[in-house]
Amino acid sequence: MRLDDVMLLNRTGWILATSTADSLRDGNKARALAEHAVRITQGTDPESLDTLAAAQAETGQFETAVETMRRALDRARVVRSEMTPEFEQRLDMYRRRQPFRQ
């Protein structure tokens, strides 16, 4: 994997965090990939933050996932407003201590 490709890091992390297939999910690997994407983008990319929040929820870190999802939502409102409805739904799920599955 290209270690600096944010889109690839996010896509792989998203699958590992949210897959409906138990055999594919790996929250710890997803979190590591997402954390790297967030570092590369200096926390400014809403999709990277969204992936990180999904990975945090998958690993049971719901309070942290809520905080991260709030940051993602704030960034999305600035740069990708069309994402806000989805982000708001996931934020609500994490508040209810539910991981996201897709």
PDB file of N, CA and C in Angstrom:
ATOM      1  N   MET A   1       0.845  -1.169   0.000  1.00  0.00           N
ATOM      2  CA  MET A   1       0.000   0.000   0.000  1.00  0.00           C
ATOM      3  C   MET A   1       0.890   1.232   0.000  1.00  0.00           C
ATOM      4  N   ARG A   2       0.498   2.225  -0.768  1.00  0.00           N
ATOM      5  CA  ARG A   2       1.228   3.494  -0.746  1.00  0.00           C
ATOM      6  C   ARG A   2       0.900   4.192   0.565  1.00  0.00           C
ATOM      7  N   LEU A   3       1.892   4.372   1.389  1.00  0.00           N
ATOM      8  CA  LEU A   3       1.686   4.840   2.752  1.00  0.00           C
ATOM      9  C   LEU A   3       1.266   6.295   2.857  1.00  0.00           C
ATOM     10  N   ASP A   4       1.325   7.048   1.750  1.00  0.00           N
ATOM     11  CA  ASP A   4       0.935   8.450   1.809  1.00  0.00           C
ATOM     12  C   ASP A   4      -0.315   8.741   0.990  1.00  0.00           C
ATOM     13  N   ASP A   5      -0.975   7.722   0.490  1.00  0.00           N
ATOM     14  CA  ASP A   5      -2.178   7.884  -0.320  1.00  0.00           C
ATOM     15  C   ASP A   5      -3.395   7.945   0.605  1.00  0.00           C
ATOM     16  N   VAL A   6      -3.863   9.144   0.888  1.00  0.00           N
ATOM     17  CA  VAL A   6      -4.940   9.350   1.853  1.00  0.00           C
ATOM     18  C   VAL A   6      -6.210   8.635   1.416  1.00  0.00           C
ATOM     19  N   MET A   7      -6.536   8.692   0.142  1.00  0.00           N
ATOM     20  CA  MET A   7      -7.748   8.023  -0.330  1.00  0.00           C
ATOM     21  C   MET A   7      -7.665   6.513  -0.099  1.00  0.00           C
ATOM     22  N   LEU A   8      -6.533   5.926  -0.368  1.00  0.00           N
ATOM     23  CA  LEU A   8      -6.347   4.490  -0.158  1.00  0.00           C
ATOM     24  C   LEU A   8      -6.361   4.140   1.336  1.00  0.00           C
ATOM     25  N   LEU A   9      -5.723   4.953   2.140  1.00  0.00           N
ATOM     26  CA  LEU A   9      -5.743   4.735   3.588  1.00  0.00           C
ATOM     27  C   LEU A   9      -7.178   4.779   4.113  1.00  0.00           C
ATOM     28  N   ASN A  10      -7.934   5.781   3.668  1.00  0.00           N
ATOM     29  CA  ASN A  10      -9.318   5.916   4.119  1.00  0.00           C
ATOM     30  C   ASN A  10     -10.190   4.766   3.642  1.00  0.00           C
ATOM     31  N   ARG A  11     -10.055   4.402   2.394  1.00  0.00           N
ATOM     32  CA  ARG A  11     -10.906   3.327   1.857  1.00  0.00           C
ATOM     33  C   ARG A  11     -10.622   2.005   2.571  1.00  0.00           C
ATOM     34  N   THR A  12      -9.357   1.691   2.738  1.00  0.00           N
ATOM     35  CA  THR A  12      -8.997   0.448   3.420  1.00  0.00           C
ATOM     36  C   THR A  12      -9.434   0.486   4.879  1.00  0.00           C
ATOM     37  N   GLY A  13      -9.170   1.607   5.542  1.00  0.00           N
ATOM     38  CA  GLY A  13      -9.584   1.754   6.928  1.00  0.00           C
ATOM     39  C   GLY A  13     -11.093   1.664   7.088  1.00  0.00           C
ATOM     40  N   TRP A  14     -11.827   2.260   6.151  1.00  0.00           N
ATOM     41  CA  TRP A  14     -13.286   2.238   6.205  1.00  0.00           C
ATOM     42  C   TRP A  14     -13.812   0.802   6.123  1.00  0.00           C
ATOM     43  N   ILE A  15     -13.280   0.039   5.194  1.00  0.00           N
ATOM     44  CA  ILE A  15     -13.709  -1.359   5.047  1.00  0.00           C
ATOM     45  C   ILE A  15     -13.393  -2.143   6.317  1.00  0.00           C
ATOM     46  N   LEU A  16     -12.188  -1.964   6.848  1.00  0.00           N
ATOM     47  CA  LEU A  16     -11.794  -2.688   8.057  1.00  0.00           C
ATOM     48  C   LEU A  16     -12.625  -2.288   9.278  1.00  0.00           C
ATOM     49  N   ALA A  17     -13.132  -1.071   9.293  1.00  0.00           N
ATOM     50  CA  ALA A  17     -13.910  -0.590  10.437  1.00  0.00           C
ATOM     51  C   ALA A  17     -15.394  -0.877  10.321  1.00  0.00           C
ATOM     52  N   THR A  18     -15.932  -0.922   9.088  1.00  0.00           N
ATOM     53  CA  THR A  18     -17.392  -0.908   8.941  1.00  0.00           C
ATOM     54  C   THR A  18     -17.987  -2.116   8.233  1.00  0.00           C
ATOM     55  N   SER A  19     -17.172  -3.018   7.754  1.00  0.00           N
ATOM     56  CA  SER A  19     -17.696  -4.154   6.993  1.00  0.00           C
ATOM     57  C   SER A  19     -18.720  -4.949   7.799  1.00  0.00           C
ATOM     58  N   THR A  20     -19.750  -5.393   7.118  1.00  0.00           N
ATOM     59  CA  THR A  20     -20.733  -6.261   7.775  1.00  0.00           C
ATOM     60  C   THR A  20     -20.177  -7.672   7.965  1.00  0.00           C
ATOM     61  N   ALA A  21     -19.098  -7.978   7.272  1.00  0.00           N
ATOM     62  CA  ALA A  21     -18.468  -9.296   7.392  1.00  0.00           C
ATOM     63  C   ALA A  21     -17.488  -9.295   8.562  1.00  0.00           C
ATOM     64  N   ASP A  22     -17.802 -10.082   9.572  1.00  0.00           N
ATOM     65  CA  ASP A  22     -16.925 -10.154  10.744  1.00  0.00           C
ATOM     66  C   ASP A  22     -15.493 -10.520  10.364  1.00  0.00           C
ATOM     67  N   SER A  23     -15.341 -11.358   9.365  1.00  0.00           N
ATOM     68  CA  SER A  23     -14.005 -11.815   8.968  1.00  0.00           C
ATOM     69  C   SER A  23     -13.155 -10.692   8.359  1.00  0.00           C
ATOM     70  N   LEU A  24     -13.784  -9.621   7.882  1.00  0.00           N
ATOM     71  CA  LEU A  24     -13.043  -8.507   7.291  1.00  0.00           C
ATOM     72  C   LEU A  24     -12.731  -7.399   8.291  1.00  0.00           C
ATOM     73  N   ARG A  25     -13.554  -7.274   9.303  1.00  0.00           N
ATOM     74  CA  ARG A  25     -13.382  -6.161  10.235  1.00  0.00           C
ATOM     75  C   ARG A  25     -12.162  -6.349  11.127  1.00  0.00           C
ATOM     76  N   ASP A  26     -11.410  -5.255  11.263  1.00  0.00           N
ATOM     77  CA  ASP A  26     -10.263  -5.210  12.182  1.00  0.00           C
ATOM     78  C   ASP A  26     -10.118  -3.760  12.627  1.00  0.00           C
ATOM     79  N   GLY A  27     -10.766  -3.439  13.717  1.00  0.00           N
ATOM     80  CA  GLY A  27     -10.794  -2.063  14.192  1.00  0.00           C
ATOM     81  C   GLY A  27      -9.438  -1.484  14.511  1.00  0.00           C
ATOM     82  N   ASN A  28      -8.540  -2.291  15.033  1.00  0.00           N
ATOM     83  CA  ASN A  28      -7.207  -1.779  15.371  1.00  0.00           C
ATOM     84  C   ASN A  28      -6.418  -1.396  14.132  1.00  0.00           C
ATOM     85  N   LYS A  29      -6.455  -2.237  13.093  1.00  0.00           N
ATOM     86  CA  LYS A  29      -5.775  -1.884  11.833  1.00  0.00           C
ATOM     87  C   LYS A  29      -6.439  -0.674  11.203  1.00  0.00           C
ATOM     88  N   ALA A  30      -7.770  -0.641  11.248  1.00  0.00           N
ATOM     89  CA  ALA A  30      -8.510   0.493  10.687  1.00  0.00           C
ATOM     90  C   ALA A  30      -8.105   1.786  11.391  1.00  0.00           C
ATOM     91  N   ARG A  31      -8.013   1.732  12.700  1.00  0.00           N
ATOM     92  CA  ARG A  31      -7.644   2.922  13.470  1.00  0.00           C
ATOM     93  C   ARG A  31      -6.231   3.387  13.107  1.00  0.00           C
ATOM     94  N   ALA A  32      -5.306   2.459  12.972  1.00  0.00           N
ATOM     95  CA  ALA A  32      -3.930   2.839  12.620  1.00  0.00           C
ATOM     96  C   ALA A  32      -3.878   3.518  11.246  1.00  0.00           C
ATOM     97  N   LEU A  33      -4.592   2.969  10.282  1.00  0.00           N
ATOM     98  CA  LEU A  33      -4.618   3.574   8.946  1.00  0.00           C
ATOM     99  C   LEU A  33      -5.257   4.954   8.978  1.00  0.00           C
ATOM    100  N   ALA A  34      -6.375   5.064   9.693  1.00  0.00           N
ATOM    101  CA  ALA A  34      -7.085   6.341   9.773  1.00  0.00           C
ATOM    102  C   ALA A  34      -6.266   7.386  10.518  1.00  0.00           C
ATOM    103  N   GLU A  35      -5.605   6.986  11.587  1.00  0.00           N
ATOM    104  CA  GLU A  35      -4.756   7.929  12.315  1.00  0.00           C
ATOM    105  C   GLU A  35      -3.649   8.465  11.419  1.00  0.00           C
ATOM    106  N   HIS A  36      -3.111   7.593  10.578  1.00  0.00           N
ATOM    107  CA  HIS A  36      -2.067   8.024   9.644  1.00  0.00           C
ATOM    108  C   HIS A  36      -2.638   9.025   8.636  1.00  0.00           C
ATOM    109  N   ALA A  37      -3.826   8.748   8.119  1.00  0.00           N
ATOM    110  CA  ALA A  37      -4.463   9.668   7.170  1.00  0.00           C
ATOM    111  C   ALA A  37      -4.742  11.018   7.822  1.00  0.00           C
ATOM    112  N   VAL A  38      -5.176  10.997   9.069  1.00  0.00           N
ATOM    113  CA  VAL A  38      -5.439  12.253   9.786  1.00  0.00           C
ATOM    114  C   VAL A  38      -4.142  13.024   9.985  1.00  0.00           C
ATOM    115  N   ARG A  39      -3.057  12.320  10.307  1.00  0.00           N
ATOM    116  CA  ARG A  39      -1.753  12.994  10.457  1.00  0.00           C
ATOM    117  C   ARG A  39      -1.321  13.632   9.144  1.00  0.00           C
ATOM    118  N   ILE A  40      -1.450  12.885   8.050  1.00  0.00           N
ATOM    119  CA  ILE A  40      -1.035  13.406   6.740  1.00  0.00           C
ATOM    120  C   ILE A  40      -1.814  14.667   6.388  1.00  0.00           C
ATOM    121  N   THR A  41      -3.111  14.651   6.675  1.00  0.00           N
ATOM    122  CA  THR A  41      -3.974  15.784   6.313  1.00  0.00           C
ATOM    123  C   THR A  41      -4.049  16.838   7.415  1.00  0.00           C
ATOM    124  N   GLN A  42      -3.290  16.635   8.475  1.00  0.00           N
ATOM    125  CA  GLN A  42      -3.228  17.563   9.607  1.00  0.00           C
ATOM    126  C   GLN A  42      -4.620  17.825  10.195  1.00  0.00           C
ATOM    127  N   GLY A  43      -5.461  16.800  10.171  1.00  0.00           N
ATOM    128  CA  GLY A  43      -6.783  16.890  10.768  1.00  0.00           C
ATOM    129  C   GLY A  43      -7.779  17.755  10.025  1.00  0.00           C
ATOM    130  N   THR A  44      -7.490  18.054   8.764  1.00  0.00           N
ATOM    131  CA  THR A  44      -8.375  18.944   8.011  1.00  0.00           C
ATOM    132  C   THR A  44      -9.317  18.211   7.055  1.00  0.00           C
ATOM    133  N   ASP A  45      -9.126  16.917   6.868  1.00  0.00           N
ATOM    134  CA  ASP A  45      -9.932  16.146   5.913  1.00  0.00           C
ATOM    135  C   ASP A  45     -11.099  15.474   6.634  1.00  0.00           C
ATOM    136  N   PRO A  46     -12.335  15.862   6.310  1.00  0.00           N
ATOM    137  CA  PRO A  46     -13.472  15.274   7.010  1.00  0.00           C
ATOM    138  C   PRO A  46     -13.601  13.767   6.799  1.00  0.00           C
ATOM    139  N   GLU A  47     -13.223  13.266   5.631  1.00  0.00           N
ATOM    140  CA  GLU A  47     -13.329  11.829   5.375  1.00  0.00           C
ATOM    141  C   GLU A  47     -12.347  11.033   6.237  1.00  0.00           C
ATOM    142  N   SER A  48     -11.156  11.564   6.426  1.00  0.00           N
ATOM    143  CA  SER A  48     -10.183  10.889   7.287  1.00  0.00           C
ATOM    144  C   SER A  48     -10.676  10.853   8.727  1.00  0.00           C
ATOM    145  N   LEU A  49     -11.244  11.948   9.175  1.00  0.00           N
ATOM    146  CA  LEU A  49     -11.798  11.990  10.529  1.00  0.00           C
ATOM    147  C   LEU A  49     -12.988  11.045  10.663  1.00  0.00           C
ATOM    148  N   ASP A  50     -13.807  10.965   9.633  1.00  0.00           N
ATOM    149  CA  ASP A  50     -14.950  10.045   9.621  1.00  0.00           C
ATOM    150  C   ASP A  50     -14.472   8.598   9.738  1.00  0.00           C
ATOM    151  N   THR A  51     -13.459   8.247   8.981  1.00  0.00           N
ATOM    152  CA  THR A  51     -12.908   6.894   9.042  1.00  0.00           C
ATOM    153  C   THR A  51     -12.339   6.607  10.424  1.00  0.00           C
ATOM    154  N   LEU A  52     -11.637   7.581  10.985  1.00  0.00           N
ATOM    155  CA  LEU A  52     -11.083   7.401  12.327  1.00  0.00           C
ATOM    156  C   LEU A  52     -12.198   7.194  13.350  1.00  0.00           C
ATOM    157  N   ALA A  53     -13.258   7.981  13.263  1.00  0.00           N
ATOM    158  CA  ALA A  53     -14.378   7.820  14.203  1.00  0.00           C
ATOM    159  C   ALA A  53     -15.015   6.440  14.065  1.00  0.00           C
ATOM    160  N   ALA A  54     -15.159   5.958  12.843  1.00  0.00           N
ATOM    161  CA  ALA A  54     -15.727   4.623  12.628  1.00  0.00           C
ATOM    162  C   ALA A  54     -14.838   3.556  13.254  1.00  0.00           C
ATOM    163  N   ALA A  55     -13.530   3.705  13.102  1.00  0.00           N
ATOM    164  CA  ALA A  55     -12.588   2.741  13.688  1.00  0.00           C
ATOM    165  C   ALA A  55     -12.619   2.816  15.213  1.00  0.00           C
ATOM    166  N   GLN A  56     -12.711   4.011  15.744  1.00  0.00           N
ATOM    167  CA  GLN A  56     -12.789   4.159  17.197  1.00  0.00           C
ATOM    168  C   GLN A  56     -14.061   3.503  17.736  1.00  0.00           C
ATOM    169  N   ALA A  57     -15.170   3.690  17.048  1.00  0.00           N
ATOM    170  CA  ALA A  57     -16.422   3.056  17.471  1.00  0.00           C
ATOM    171  C   ALA A  57     -16.306   1.542  17.377  1.00  0.00           C
ATOM    172  N   GLU A  58     -15.674   1.058  16.332  1.00  0.00           N
ATOM    173  CA  GLU A  58     -15.506  -0.382  16.162  1.00  0.00           C
ATOM    174  C   GLU A  58     -14.703  -0.986  17.308  1.00  0.00           C
ATOM    175  N   THR A  59     -13.770  -0.227  17.845  1.00  0.00           N
ATOM    176  CA  THR A  59     -12.952  -0.732  18.956  1.00  0.00           C
ATOM    177  C   THR A  59     -13.544  -0.366  20.319  1.00  0.00           C
ATOM    178  N   GLY A  60     -14.778   0.121  20.330  1.00  0.00           N
ATOM    179  CA  GLY A  60     -15.465   0.404  21.577  1.00  0.00           C
ATOM    180  C   GLY A  60     -15.127   1.730  22.221  1.00  0.00           C
ATOM    181  N   GLN A  61     -14.407   2.583  21.522  1.00  0.00           N
ATOM    182  CA  GLN A  61     -14.025   3.904  22.045  1.00  0.00           C
ATOM    183  C   GLN A  61     -15.075   4.939  21.631  1.00  0.00           C
ATOM    184  N   PHE A  62     -16.279   4.776  22.143  1.00  0.00           N
ATOM    185  CA  PHE A  62     -17.403   5.584  21.669  1.00  0.00           C
ATOM    186  C   PHE A  62     -17.286   7.059  22.036  1.00  0.00           C
ATOM    187  N   GLU A  63     -16.783   7.369  23.223  1.00  0.00           N
ATOM    188  CA  GLU A  63     -16.635   8.775  23.602  1.00  0.00           C
ATOM    189  C   GLU A  63     -15.650   9.475  22.665  1.00  0.00           C
ATOM    190  N   THR A  64     -14.556   8.807  22.373  1.00  0.00           N
ATOM    191  CA  THR A  64     -13.565   9.360  21.452  1.00  0.00           C
ATOM    192  C   THR A  64     -14.140   9.444  20.046  1.00  0.00           C
ATOM    193  N   ALA A  65     -14.907   8.439  19.642  1.00  0.00           N
ATOM    194  CA  ALA A  65     -15.549   8.461  18.314  1.00  0.00           C
ATOM    195  C   ALA A  65     -16.491   9.653  18.194  1.00  0.00           C
ATOM    196  N   VAL A  66     -17.229   9.955  19.254  1.00  0.00           N
ATOM    197  CA  VAL A  66     -18.134  11.111  19.236  1.00  0.00           C
ATOM    198  C   VAL A  66     -17.325  12.399  19.051  1.00  0.00           C
ATOM    199  N   GLU A  67     -16.242  12.552  19.792  1.00  0.00           N
ATOM    200  CA  GLU A  67     -15.396  13.738  19.656  1.00  0.00           C
ATOM    201  C   GLU A  67     -14.834  13.859  18.245  1.00  0.00           C
ATOM    202  N   THR A  68     -14.328  12.754  17.715  1.00  0.00           N
ATOM    203  CA  THR A  68     -13.748  12.760  16.368  1.00  0.00           C
ATOM    204  C   THR A  68     -14.813  13.055  15.329  1.00  0.00           C
ATOM    205  N   MET A  69     -15.999  12.482  15.506  1.00  0.00           N
ATOM    206  CA  MET A  69     -17.081  12.710  14.544  1.00  0.00           C
ATOM    207  C   MET A  69     -17.547  14.156  14.575  1.00  0.00           C
ATOM    208  N   ARG A  70     -17.513  14.770  15.743  1.00  0.00           N
ATOM    209  CA  ARG A  70     -17.844  16.203  15.820  1.00  0.00           C
ATOM    210  C   ARG A  70     -16.847  17.031  15.022  1.00  0.00           C
ATOM    211  N   ARG A  71     -15.572  16.674  15.132  1.00  0.00           N
ATOM    212  CA  ARG A  71     -14.547  17.378  14.338  1.00  0.00           C
ATOM    213  C   ARG A  71     -14.789  17.167  12.851  1.00  0.00           C
ATOM    214  N   ALA A  72     -15.129  15.917  12.472  1.00  0.00           N
ATOM    215  CA  ALA A  72     -15.416  15.616  11.062  1.00  0.00           C
ATOM    216  C   ALA A  72     -16.599  16.437  10.571  1.00  0.00           C
ATOM    217  N   LEU A  73     -17.623  16.523  11.382  1.00  0.00           N
ATOM    218  CA  LEU A  73     -18.816  17.279  11.021  1.00  0.00           C
ATOM    219  C   LEU A  73     -18.494  18.764  10.869  1.00  0.00           C
ATOM    220  N   ASP A  74     -17.706  19.306  11.787  1.00  0.00           N
ATOM    221  CA  ASP A  74     -17.299  20.710  11.678  1.00  0.00           C
ATOM    222  C   ASP A  74     -16.546  20.964  10.378  1.00  0.00           C
ATOM    223  N   ARG A  75     -15.612  20.074  10.045  1.00  0.00           N
ATOM    224  CA  ARG A  75     -14.843  20.223   8.796  1.00  0.00           C
ATOM    225  C   ARG A  75     -15.738  20.055   7.573  1.00  0.00           C
ATOM    226  N   ALA A  76     -16.651  19.096   7.627  1.00  0.00           N
ATOM    227  CA  ALA A  76     -17.547  18.858   6.497  1.00  0.00           C
ATOM    228  C   ALA A  76     -18.418  20.086   6.237  1.00  0.00           C
ATOM    229  N   ARG A  77     -18.867  20.731   7.273  1.00  0.00           N
ATOM    230  CA  ARG A  77     -19.690  21.938   7.098  1.00  0.00           C
ATOM    231  C   ARG A  77     -18.942  23.022   6.337  1.00  0.00           C
ATOM    232  N   VAL A  78     -17.623  23.024   6.460  1.00  0.00           N
ATOM    233  CA  VAL A  78     -16.797  24.034   5.799  1.00  0.00           C
ATOM    234  C   VAL A  78     -16.457  23.623   4.366  1.00  0.00           C
ATOM    235  N   VAL A  79     -16.073  22.359   4.177  1.00  0.00           N
ATOM    236  CA  VAL A  79     -15.510  21.971   2.871  1.00  0.00           C
ATOM    237  C   VAL A  79     -16.353  20.985   2.064  1.00  0.00           C
ATOM    238  N   ARG A  80     -17.264  20.263   2.696  1.00  0.00           N
ATOM    239  CA  ARG A  80     -18.069  19.256   1.981  1.00  0.00           C
ATOM    240  C   ARG A  80     -19.456  19.156   2.613  1.00  0.00           C
ATOM    241  N   SER A  81     -20.237  20.206   2.509  1.00  0.00           N
ATOM    242  CA  SER A  81     -21.513  20.278   3.224  1.00  0.00           C
ATOM    243  C   SER A  81     -22.474  19.156   2.853  1.00  0.00           C
ATOM    244  N   GLU A  82     -22.328  18.579   1.681  1.00  0.00           N
ATOM    245  CA  GLU A  82     -23.213  17.474   1.282  1.00  0.00           C
ATOM    246  C   GLU A  82     -23.019  16.232   2.156  1.00  0.00           C
ATOM    247  N   MET A  83     -21.913  16.168   2.877  1.00  0.00           N
ATOM    248  CA  MET A  83     -21.637  15.027   3.743  1.00  0.00           C
ATOM    249  C   MET A  83     -22.300  15.143   5.116  1.00  0.00           C
ATOM    250  N   THR A  84     -22.758  16.327   5.471  1.00  0.00           N
ATOM    251  CA  THR A  84     -23.218  16.538   6.840  1.00  0.00           C
ATOM    252  C   THR A  84     -24.384  15.647   7.261  1.00  0.00           C
ATOM    253  N   PRO A  85     -25.375  15.362   6.412  1.00  0.00           N
ATOM    254  CA  PRO A  85     -26.451  14.474   6.886  1.00  0.00           C
ATOM    255  C   PRO A  85     -25.943  13.084   7.298  1.00  0.00           C
ATOM    256  N   GLU A  86     -25.056  12.510   6.496  1.00  0.00           N
ATOM    257  CA  GLU A  86     -24.474  11.196   6.836  1.00  0.00           C
ATOM    258  C   GLU A  86     -23.680  11.277   8.128  1.00  0.00           C
ATOM    259  N   PHE A  87     -22.890  12.318   8.258  1.00  0.00           N
ATOM    260  CA  PHE A  87     -22.059  12.481   9.441  1.00  0.00           C
ATOM    261  C   PHE A  87     -22.921  12.641  10.693  1.00  0.00           C
ATOM    262  N   GLU A  88     -23.999  13.393  10.579  1.00  0.00           N
ATOM    263  CA  GLU A  88     -24.899  13.573  11.720  1.00  0.00           C
ATOM    264  C   GLU A  88     -25.521  12.243  12.143  1.00  0.00           C
ATOM    265  N   GLN A  89     -25.869  11.409  11.173  1.00  0.00           N
ATOM    266  CA  GLN A  89     -26.433  10.091  11.491  1.00  0.00           C
ATOM    267  C   GLN A  89     -25.415   9.226  12.227  1.00  0.00           C
ATOM    268  N   ARG A  90     -24.173   9.229  11.743  1.00  0.00           N
ATOM    269  CA  ARG A  90     -23.143   8.428  12.413  1.00  0.00           C
ATOM    270  C   ARG A  90     -22.839   8.974  13.808  1.00  0.00           C
ATOM    271  N   LEU A  91     -22.811  10.279  13.946  1.00  0.00           N
ATOM    272  CA  LEU A  91     -22.593  10.869  15.261  1.00  0.00           C
ATOM    273  C   LEU A  91     -23.659  10.378  16.236  1.00  0.00           C
ATOM    274  N   ASP A  92     -24.894  10.345  15.796  1.00  0.00           N
ATOM    275  CA  ASP A  92     -25.980   9.854  16.644  1.00  0.00           C
ATOM    276  C   ASP A  92     -25.778   8.385  17.015  1.00  0.00           C
ATOM    277  N   MET A  93     -25.325   7.588  16.071  1.00  0.00           N
ATOM    278  CA  MET A  93     -25.057   6.171  16.359  1.00  0.00           C
ATOM    279  C   MET A  93     -23.977   6.025  17.426  1.00  0.00           C
ATOM    280  N   TYR A  94     -22.902   6.778  17.301  1.00  0.00           N
ATOM    281  CA  TYR A  94     -21.795   6.672  18.246  1.00  0.00           C
ATOM    282  C   TYR A  94     -22.233   7.145  19.631  1.00  0.00           C
ATOM    283  N   ARG A  95     -23.089   8.154  19.656  1.00  0.00           N
ATOM    284  CA  ARG A  95     -23.636   8.597  20.951  1.00  0.00           C
ATOM    285  C   ARG A  95     -24.438   7.473  21.612  1.00  0.00           C
ATOM    286  N   ARG A  96     -25.085   6.649  20.789  1.00  0.00           N
ATOM    287  CA  ARG A  96     -25.872   5.513  21.306  1.00  0.00           C
ATOM    288  C   ARG A  96     -25.006   4.262  21.462  1.00  0.00           C
ATOM    289  N   ARG A  97     -23.688   4.443  21.302  1.00  0.00           N
ATOM    290  CA  ARG A  97     -22.721   3.354  21.478  1.00  0.00           C
ATOM    291  C   ARG A  97     -22.946   2.229  20.467  1.00  0.00           C
ATOM    292  N   GLN A  98     -23.187   2.614  19.233  1.00  0.00           N
ATOM    293  CA  GLN A  98     -23.358   1.652  18.145  1.00  0.00           C
ATOM    294  C   GLN A  98     -22.308   1.900  17.085  1.00  0.00           C
ATOM    295  N   PRO A  99     -21.589   0.862  16.664  1.00  0.00           N
ATOM    296  CA  PRO A  99     -20.647   1.023  15.555  1.00  0.00           C
ATOM    297  C   PRO A  99     -21.421   1.110  14.236  1.00  0.00           C
ATOM    298  N   PHE A 100     -20.801   1.675  13.238  1.00  0.00           N
ATOM    299  CA  PHE A 100     -21.425   1.804  11.913  1.00  0.00           C
ATOM    300  C   PHE A 100     -21.067   0.591  11.081  1.00  0.00           C
ATOM    301  N   ARG A 101     -22.043   0.043  10.377  1.00  0.00           N
ATOM    302  CA  ARG A 101     -21.807  -1.094   9.462  1.00  0.00           C
ATOM    303  C   ARG A 101     -22.308  -0.736   8.076  1.00  0.00           C
ATOM    304  N   GLN A 102     -21.537  -1.169   7.084  1.00  0.00           N
ATOM    305  CA  GLN A 102     -21.910  -0.886   5.703  1.00  0.00           C
ATOM    306  C   GLN A 102     -21.539  -2.054   4.827  1.00  0.00           C
TER     307      GLN A 102
END
